[in-house]
Amino acid sequence: MQQPYMKEYLEPTMNLHRLLFVKMSENQEYDTLSMIDKYMQSSQIRKKMDEGNWSALNKGWKQLFNDVNFADCTTKTTTIDDILLHWIADIYVLLQWMYNIPSKSINNIIPAKTMCSIYNPLHETSEKTACEKIYKRYFLQSDSENTIT
């Protein structure tokens, strides 16, 4: 399978999303998981990253954050541990990169709340293995049920 961009961008993109998700969690107004879902669903920069746009792959966390209007996100209810946020960021980015599936489609099938629920069974395995298991469970089984857009 062809990756959407060069491997040299993968680790910096994962680190960028770790920082972005942590910054989202520092927001006192909106729920972090709601913000992650909104970002994955509506960010034009994230969409361009999925397509391998080098300019988008070189953006900073503030540019990604400001690319999305979070006004309709749910209000802040819980605080999420940074380790969990790092794992979610890594899995979303790596899953998108490994299987070349648009981030919006990944988030449609596996919203941030679901990512939280699968953390405990998968976080002790390698991220690559976690992505393989997630892909088999949520994408291969759901191909006939879900359309990836």
N, C-alpha and C. Protein backbone atom coordinates (compact mmCIF):
# COMPACT_ATOMS: atom_id res chain seq x y z
N MET A 1 0.85 -1.18 0.00
CA MET A 1 0.00 0.00 0.00
C MET A 1 0.89 1.25 0.00
N GLN A 2 0.54 2.20 -0.81
CA GLN A 2 1.29 3.45 -0.91
C GLN A 2 0.94 4.40 0.24
N GLN A 3 1.97 4.90 0.91
CA GLN A 3 1.75 5.86 1.99
C GLN A 3 1.47 7.24 1.40
N PRO A 4 0.73 8.07 2.12
CA PRO A 4 0.33 9.38 1.59
C PRO A 4 1.46 10.40 1.55
N TYR A 5 2.52 10.16 2.35
CA TYR A 5 3.67 11.06 2.35
C TYR A 5 4.89 10.31 2.83
N MET A 6 6.06 10.93 2.65
CA MET A 6 7.32 10.28 3.00
C MET A 6 7.40 9.96 4.49
N LYS A 7 8.07 8.87 4.80
CA LYS A 7 8.21 8.42 6.19
C LYS A 7 8.88 9.47 7.07
N GLU A 8 9.73 10.31 6.47
CA GLU A 8 10.42 11.34 7.25
C GLU A 8 9.46 12.33 7.89
N TYR A 9 8.26 12.46 7.37
CA TYR A 9 7.25 13.35 7.95
C TYR A 9 6.44 12.68 9.06
N LEU A 10 6.52 11.36 9.16
CA LEU A 10 5.64 10.62 10.06
C LEU A 10 5.87 10.98 11.54
N GLU A 11 7.08 10.86 12.03
CA GLU A 11 7.33 11.15 13.44
C GLU A 11 7.04 12.61 13.79
N PRO A 12 7.49 13.58 12.97
CA PRO A 12 7.12 14.96 13.29
C PRO A 12 5.61 15.20 13.28
N THR A 13 4.89 14.52 12.42
CA THR A 13 3.43 14.67 12.37
C THR A 13 2.80 14.06 13.62
N MET A 14 3.32 12.95 14.08
CA MET A 14 2.82 12.35 15.32
C MET A 14 3.09 13.30 16.49
N ASN A 15 4.30 13.84 16.56
CA ASN A 15 4.65 14.76 17.65
C ASN A 15 3.79 16.02 17.61
N LEU A 16 3.52 16.51 16.43
CA LEU A 16 2.67 17.70 16.27
C LEU A 16 1.27 17.42 16.81
N HIS A 17 0.72 16.26 16.51
CA HIS A 17 -0.62 15.94 16.98
C HIS A 17 -0.65 15.63 18.48
N ARG A 18 0.44 15.10 19.00
CA ARG A 18 0.53 14.95 20.46
C ARG A 18 0.39 16.33 21.12
N LEU A 19 1.17 17.28 20.63
CA LEU A 19 1.13 18.63 21.19
C LEU A 19 -0.25 19.26 20.99
N LEU A 20 -0.81 19.12 19.80
CA LEU A 20 -2.13 19.68 19.52
C LEU A 20 -3.18 19.13 20.48
N PHE A 21 -3.21 17.83 20.69
CA PHE A 21 -4.22 17.23 21.55
C PHE A 21 -4.02 17.65 23.01
N VAL A 22 -2.77 17.80 23.44
CA VAL A 22 -2.50 18.28 24.80
C VAL A 22 -2.99 19.72 24.93
N LYS A 23 -2.73 20.55 23.92
CA LYS A 23 -3.20 21.94 23.95
C LYS A 23 -4.73 21.98 23.97
N MET A 24 -5.37 21.07 23.26
CA MET A 24 -6.83 20.99 23.31
C MET A 24 -7.30 20.67 24.73
N SER A 25 -6.57 19.78 25.40
CA SER A 25 -6.98 19.39 26.76
C SER A 25 -6.80 20.54 27.75
N GLU A 26 -5.95 21.49 27.43
CA GLU A 26 -5.75 22.65 28.30
C GLU A 26 -6.86 23.68 28.15
N ASN A 27 -7.65 23.55 27.09
CA ASN A 27 -8.77 24.45 26.88
C ASN A 27 -9.81 24.19 27.96
N GLN A 28 -10.23 25.23 28.64
CA GLN A 28 -11.16 25.08 29.77
C GLN A 28 -12.63 25.11 29.35
N GLU A 29 -12.88 25.48 28.11
CA GLU A 29 -14.27 25.65 27.67
C GLU A 29 -14.89 24.40 27.06
N TYR A 30 -14.12 23.69 26.24
CA TYR A 30 -14.68 22.57 25.47
C TYR A 30 -14.08 21.23 25.88
N ASP A 31 -14.87 20.18 25.69
CA ASP A 31 -14.45 18.82 25.97
C ASP A 31 -13.37 18.40 24.98
N THR A 32 -12.30 17.82 25.48
CA THR A 32 -11.15 17.44 24.65
C THR A 32 -11.53 16.44 23.57
N LEU A 33 -12.28 15.41 23.91
CA LEU A 33 -12.65 14.40 22.92
C LEU A 33 -13.53 14.99 21.83
N SER A 34 -14.41 15.88 22.21
CA SER A 34 -15.25 16.57 21.24
C SER A 34 -14.39 17.43 20.30
N MET A 35 -13.37 18.06 20.87
CA MET A 35 -12.47 18.89 20.07
C MET A 35 -11.65 18.03 19.09
N ILE A 36 -11.19 16.88 19.56
CA ILE A 36 -10.42 15.98 18.68
C ILE A 36 -11.30 15.54 17.52
N ASP A 37 -12.53 15.12 17.83
CA ASP A 37 -13.45 14.70 16.76
C ASP A 37 -13.70 15.84 15.77
N LYS A 38 -13.93 17.02 16.29
CA LYS A 38 -14.20 18.18 15.42
C LYS A 38 -13.00 18.45 14.51
N TYR A 39 -11.80 18.40 15.09
CA TYR A 39 -10.58 18.59 14.30
C TYR A 39 -10.45 17.54 13.21
N MET A 40 -10.60 16.28 13.57
CA MET A 40 -10.45 15.19 12.60
C MET A 40 -11.50 15.27 11.49
N GLN A 41 -12.68 15.76 11.83
CA GLN A 41 -13.77 15.84 10.86
C GLN A 41 -13.71 17.07 9.96
N SER A 42 -13.19 18.18 10.46
CA SER A 42 -13.37 19.42 9.70
C SER A 42 -12.10 20.19 9.36
N SER A 43 -10.95 19.79 9.85
CA SER A 43 -9.73 20.54 9.56
C SER A 43 -9.31 20.38 8.10
N GLN A 44 -9.23 21.50 7.42
CA GLN A 44 -8.76 21.48 6.04
C GLN A 44 -7.26 21.19 5.98
N ILE A 45 -6.53 21.62 7.00
CA ILE A 45 -5.10 21.32 7.03
C ILE A 45 -4.87 19.83 7.22
N ARG A 46 -5.64 19.20 8.13
CA ARG A 46 -5.51 17.75 8.35
C ARG A 46 -5.84 17.01 7.05
N LYS A 47 -6.84 17.46 6.33
CA LYS A 47 -7.21 16.83 5.05
C LYS A 47 -6.04 16.92 4.06
N LYS A 48 -5.39 18.07 4.02
CA LYS A 48 -4.24 18.24 3.13
C LYS A 48 -3.06 17.38 3.57
N MET A 49 -2.89 17.23 4.89
CA MET A 49 -1.85 16.33 5.40
C MET A 49 -2.10 14.91 4.89
N ASP A 50 -3.35 14.48 4.97
CA ASP A 50 -3.72 13.14 4.50
C ASP A 50 -3.34 12.94 3.04
N GLU A 51 -3.36 14.01 2.28
CA GLU A 51 -3.05 13.96 0.85
C GLU A 51 -1.56 14.14 0.57
N GLY A 52 -0.77 14.34 1.63
CA GLY A 52 0.67 14.49 1.46
C GLY A 52 1.14 15.88 1.10
N ASN A 53 0.31 16.89 1.31
CA ASN A 53 0.69 18.26 1.00
C ASN A 53 1.83 18.70 1.92
N TRP A 54 2.99 18.96 1.35
CA TRP A 54 4.17 19.28 2.16
C TRP A 54 3.99 20.55 2.98
N SER A 55 3.27 21.53 2.46
CA SER A 55 3.04 22.77 3.20
C SER A 55 2.20 22.49 4.45
N ALA A 56 1.18 21.67 4.31
CA ALA A 56 0.34 21.31 5.46
C ALA A 56 1.13 20.50 6.47
N LEU A 57 2.00 19.62 6.00
CA LEU A 57 2.80 18.78 6.89
C LEU A 57 3.82 19.59 7.69
N ASN A 58 4.04 20.83 7.32
CA ASN A 58 4.99 21.68 8.02
C ASN A 58 4.32 22.77 8.85
N LYS A 59 3.03 22.66 9.10
CA LYS A 59 2.31 23.62 9.94
C LYS A 59 2.61 23.36 11.41
N GLY A 60 2.35 24.35 12.24
CA GLY A 60 2.51 24.23 13.68
C GLY A 60 1.17 23.97 14.35
N TRP A 61 1.23 23.67 15.65
CA TRP A 61 0.00 23.31 16.37
C TRP A 61 -1.01 24.46 16.39
N LYS A 62 -0.55 25.70 16.48
CA LYS A 62 -1.48 26.83 16.51
C LYS A 62 -2.23 26.96 15.19
N GLN A 63 -1.54 26.70 14.09
CA GLN A 63 -2.21 26.76 12.79
C GLN A 63 -3.27 25.67 12.69
N LEU A 64 -2.96 24.47 13.17
CA LEU A 64 -3.95 23.39 13.16
C LEU A 64 -5.12 23.73 14.07
N PHE A 65 -4.82 24.23 15.26
CA PHE A 65 -5.86 24.57 16.23
C PHE A 65 -6.78 25.66 15.68
N ASN A 66 -6.20 26.68 15.08
CA ASN A 66 -6.99 27.81 14.58
C ASN A 66 -7.70 27.52 13.26
N ASP A 67 -7.44 26.36 12.68
CA ASP A 67 -8.09 25.96 11.43
C ASP A 67 -9.51 25.44 11.67
N VAL A 68 -9.86 25.24 12.93
CA VAL A 68 -11.15 24.62 13.27
C VAL A 68 -11.95 25.54 14.18
N ASN A 69 -13.25 25.62 13.92
CA ASN A 69 -14.16 26.35 14.80
C ASN A 69 -14.75 25.34 15.79
N PHE A 70 -14.37 25.45 17.04
CA PHE A 70 -14.80 24.51 18.06
C PHE A 70 -16.08 24.94 18.77
N ALA A 71 -16.73 25.98 18.29
CA ALA A 71 -17.88 26.57 18.99
C ALA A 71 -19.00 25.58 19.29
N ASP A 72 -19.18 24.57 18.46
CA ASP A 72 -20.28 23.64 18.72
C ASP A 72 -19.84 22.36 19.45
N CYS A 73 -18.61 22.37 19.98
CA CYS A 73 -18.15 21.23 20.77
C CYS A 73 -18.85 21.22 22.13
N THR A 74 -18.93 20.06 22.73
CA THR A 74 -19.57 19.97 24.04
C THR A 74 -18.70 20.64 25.10
N THR A 75 -19.32 21.01 26.18
CA THR A 75 -18.59 21.70 27.24
C THR A 75 -17.67 20.74 27.98
N LYS A 76 -16.65 21.31 28.59
CA LYS A 76 -15.62 20.54 29.30
C LYS A 76 -16.25 19.76 30.45
N THR A 77 -16.01 18.46 30.48
CA THR A 77 -16.54 17.64 31.56
C THR A 77 -15.44 16.88 32.29
N THR A 78 -14.43 16.43 31.57
CA THR A 78 -13.37 15.63 32.19
C THR A 78 -12.00 16.08 31.72
N THR A 79 -11.01 15.65 32.45
CA THR A 79 -9.62 15.87 32.06
C THR A 79 -9.05 14.53 31.62
N ILE A 80 -8.29 14.56 30.56
CA ILE A 80 -7.72 13.32 30.03
C ILE A 80 -6.21 13.37 30.20
N ASP A 81 -5.65 12.28 30.63
CA ASP A 81 -4.22 12.14 30.86
C ASP A 81 -3.44 12.36 29.55
N ASP A 82 -2.30 13.05 29.66
CA ASP A 82 -1.47 13.32 28.48
C ASP A 82 -0.98 12.05 27.81
N ILE A 83 -0.71 11.01 28.59
CA ILE A 83 -0.24 9.74 28.00
C ILE A 83 -1.29 9.17 27.06
N LEU A 84 -2.54 9.21 27.48
CA LEU A 84 -3.64 8.73 26.64
C LEU A 84 -3.77 9.60 25.40
N LEU A 85 -3.66 10.91 25.56
CA LEU A 85 -3.74 11.82 24.40
C LEU A 85 -2.60 11.56 23.42
N HIS A 86 -1.41 11.29 23.93
CA HIS A 86 -0.28 10.98 23.05
C HIS A 86 -0.56 9.71 22.25
N TRP A 87 -1.11 8.71 22.93
CA TRP A 87 -1.41 7.44 22.26
C TRP A 87 -2.47 7.64 21.18
N ILE A 88 -3.52 8.37 21.50
CA ILE A 88 -4.58 8.63 20.52
C ILE A 88 -4.00 9.37 19.31
N ALA A 89 -3.18 10.38 19.55
CA ALA A 89 -2.57 11.13 18.45
C ALA A 89 -1.72 10.22 17.59
N ASP A 90 -0.89 9.41 18.23
CA ASP A 90 -0.01 8.51 17.48
C ASP A 90 -0.80 7.51 16.65
N ILE A 91 -1.84 6.95 17.23
CA ILE A 91 -2.63 5.93 16.53
C ILE A 91 -3.39 6.56 15.35
N TYR A 92 -4.01 7.70 15.56
CA TYR A 92 -4.71 8.36 14.45
C TYR A 92 -3.75 8.65 13.30
N VAL A 93 -2.60 9.22 13.60
CA VAL A 93 -1.65 9.59 12.54
C VAL A 93 -1.07 8.34 11.87
N LEU A 94 -0.65 7.37 12.67
CA LEU A 94 -0.03 6.17 12.11
C LEU A 94 -1.04 5.34 11.32
N LEU A 95 -2.24 5.22 11.80
CA LEU A 95 -3.28 4.47 11.09
C LEU A 95 -3.57 5.13 9.74
N GLN A 96 -3.66 6.45 9.74
CA GLN A 96 -3.89 7.17 8.48
C GLN A 96 -2.72 6.94 7.53
N TRP A 97 -1.51 7.01 8.04
CA TRP A 97 -0.33 6.88 7.20
C TRP A 97 -0.17 5.45 6.67
N MET A 98 -0.34 4.45 7.56
CA MET A 98 -0.13 3.05 7.16
C MET A 98 -1.12 2.60 6.10
N TYR A 99 -2.39 3.01 6.24
CA TYR A 99 -3.43 2.49 5.36
C TYR A 99 -3.97 3.52 4.38
N ASN A 100 -3.43 4.74 4.44
CA ASN A 100 -3.82 5.81 3.51
C ASN A 100 -5.34 6.01 3.49
N ILE A 101 -5.90 6.06 4.68
CA ILE A 101 -7.34 6.30 4.86
C ILE A 101 -7.49 7.74 5.34
N PRO A 102 -8.41 8.51 4.79
CA PRO A 102 -8.60 9.89 5.27
C PRO A 102 -8.91 9.93 6.77
N SER A 103 -8.34 10.90 7.44
CA SER A 103 -8.54 11.06 8.89
C SER A 103 -10.02 11.15 9.24
N LYS A 104 -10.77 11.84 8.42
CA LYS A 104 -12.20 11.99 8.66
C LYS A 104 -12.89 10.62 8.69
N SER A 105 -12.49 9.74 7.78
CA SER A 105 -13.07 8.40 7.73
C SER A 105 -12.68 7.58 8.94
N ILE A 106 -11.43 7.69 9.35
CA ILE A 106 -10.98 6.97 10.54
C ILE A 106 -11.80 7.42 11.74
N ASN A 107 -11.94 8.74 11.89
CA ASN A 107 -12.68 9.28 13.03
C ASN A 107 -14.17 8.95 12.96
N ASN A 108 -14.73 8.82 11.76
CA ASN A 108 -16.13 8.41 11.63
C ASN A 108 -16.33 7.02 12.23
N ILE A 109 -15.38 6.14 11.99
CA ILE A 109 -15.50 4.76 12.44
C ILE A 109 -15.01 4.60 13.88
N ILE A 110 -13.95 5.36 14.22
CA ILE A 110 -13.37 5.27 15.56
C ILE A 110 -13.27 6.68 16.16
N PRO A 111 -14.36 7.20 16.71
CA PRO A 111 -14.29 8.53 17.34
C PRO A 111 -13.35 8.49 18.56
N ALA A 112 -12.97 9.66 19.02
CA ALA A 112 -12.01 9.78 20.11
C ALA A 112 -12.45 9.01 21.36
N LYS A 113 -13.73 9.01 21.66
CA LYS A 113 -14.23 8.27 22.83
C LYS A 113 -13.97 6.77 22.68
N THR A 114 -14.14 6.25 21.48
CA THR A 114 -13.86 4.85 21.22
C THR A 114 -12.36 4.58 21.35
N MET A 115 -11.54 5.52 20.85
CA MET A 115 -10.09 5.37 21.01
C MET A 115 -9.72 5.23 22.48
N CYS A 116 -10.36 6.01 23.33
CA CYS A 116 -10.11 5.90 24.77
C CYS A 116 -10.45 4.51 25.28
N SER A 117 -11.53 3.96 24.79
CA SER A 117 -11.99 2.66 25.29
C SER A 117 -11.10 1.51 24.82
N ILE A 118 -10.39 1.67 23.72
CA ILE A 118 -9.53 0.58 23.24
C ILE A 118 -8.07 0.77 23.68
N TYR A 119 -7.80 1.84 24.39
CA TYR A 119 -6.44 2.10 24.87
C TYR A 119 -5.93 0.98 25.76
N ASN A 120 -6.71 0.60 26.78
CA ASN A 120 -6.24 -0.41 27.72
C ASN A 120 -5.90 -1.75 27.08
N PRO A 121 -6.67 -2.27 26.19
CA PRO A 121 -6.24 -3.54 25.61
C PRO A 121 -5.03 -3.41 24.68
N LEU A 122 -4.80 -2.21 24.11
CA LEU A 122 -3.79 -2.11 23.06
C LEU A 122 -2.53 -1.31 23.40
N HIS A 123 -2.53 -0.53 24.45
CA HIS A 123 -1.42 0.40 24.65
C HIS A 123 -0.09 -0.26 24.98
N GLU A 124 -0.09 -1.51 25.41
CA GLU A 124 1.17 -2.16 25.74
C GLU A 124 1.81 -2.85 24.53
N THR A 125 1.11 -2.90 23.44
CA THR A 125 1.68 -3.44 22.21
C THR A 125 2.35 -2.28 21.45
N SER A 126 3.07 -2.58 20.42
CA SER A 126 3.67 -1.50 19.63
C SER A 126 2.55 -0.74 18.92
N GLU A 127 2.82 0.49 18.58
CA GLU A 127 1.81 1.29 17.88
C GLU A 127 1.47 0.67 16.54
N LYS A 128 2.46 0.12 15.85
CA LYS A 128 2.22 -0.51 14.55
C LYS A 128 1.28 -1.71 14.72
N THR A 129 1.53 -2.53 15.73
CA THR A 129 0.67 -3.68 15.98
C THR A 129 -0.73 -3.23 16.38
N ALA A 130 -0.81 -2.19 17.20
CA ALA A 130 -2.12 -1.65 17.58
C ALA A 130 -2.89 -1.21 16.35
N CYS A 131 -2.22 -0.53 15.43
CA CYS A 131 -2.88 -0.08 14.19
C CYS A 131 -3.34 -1.26 13.35
N GLU A 132 -2.52 -2.30 13.28
CA GLU A 132 -2.91 -3.49 12.52
C GLU A 132 -4.16 -4.13 13.12
N LYS A 133 -4.20 -4.23 14.44
CA LYS A 133 -5.37 -4.82 15.12
C LYS A 133 -6.61 -3.94 14.93
N ILE A 134 -6.44 -2.64 15.05
CA ILE A 134 -7.55 -1.71 14.85
C ILE A 134 -8.07 -1.80 13.42
N TYR A 135 -7.16 -1.84 12.48
CA TYR A 135 -7.56 -1.92 11.07
C TYR A 135 -8.36 -3.20 10.81
N LYS A 136 -7.87 -4.32 11.31
CA LYS A 136 -8.58 -5.59 11.11
C LYS A 136 -9.95 -5.56 11.77
N ARG A 137 -10.02 -5.01 12.97
CA ARG A 137 -11.29 -5.01 13.71
C ARG A 137 -12.30 -4.02 13.15
N TYR A 138 -11.88 -2.81 12.88
CA TYR A 138 -12.82 -1.74 12.54
C TYR A 138 -12.97 -1.48 11.05
N PHE A 139 -11.97 -1.83 10.27
CA PHE A 139 -12.04 -1.50 8.84
C PHE A 139 -12.28 -2.71 7.97
N LEU A 140 -11.60 -3.81 8.23
CA LEU A 140 -11.84 -5.00 7.42
C LEU A 140 -13.21 -5.58 7.68
N GLN A 141 -13.61 -5.63 8.96
CA GLN A 141 -14.94 -6.14 9.30
C GLN A 141 -16.04 -5.19 8.86
N SER A 142 -15.73 -3.91 8.80
CA SER A 142 -16.79 -2.94 8.51
C SER A 142 -16.83 -2.50 7.04
N ASP A 143 -15.95 -3.08 6.19
CA ASP A 143 -15.95 -2.68 4.79
C ASP A 143 -17.32 -2.79 4.15
N SER A 144 -18.04 -3.85 4.48
CA SER A 144 -19.35 -4.03 3.88
C SER A 144 -20.40 -3.14 4.55
N GLU A 145 -20.11 -2.69 5.79
CA GLU A 145 -21.08 -1.88 6.53
C GLU A 145 -20.84 -0.39 6.40
N ASN A 146 -19.57 0.01 6.24
CA ASN A 146 -19.21 1.44 6.23
C ASN A 146 -18.52 1.80 4.93
N THR A 147 -18.85 2.92 4.43
CA THR A 147 -18.18 3.45 3.26
C THR A 147 -17.10 4.40 3.73
N ILE A 148 -15.87 4.19 3.30
CA ILE A 148 -14.77 5.08 3.67
C ILE A 148 -14.77 6.23 2.69
N THR A 149 -14.95 7.45 3.25
CA THR A 149 -14.98 8.64 2.41
C THR A 149 -13.83 9.55 2.71
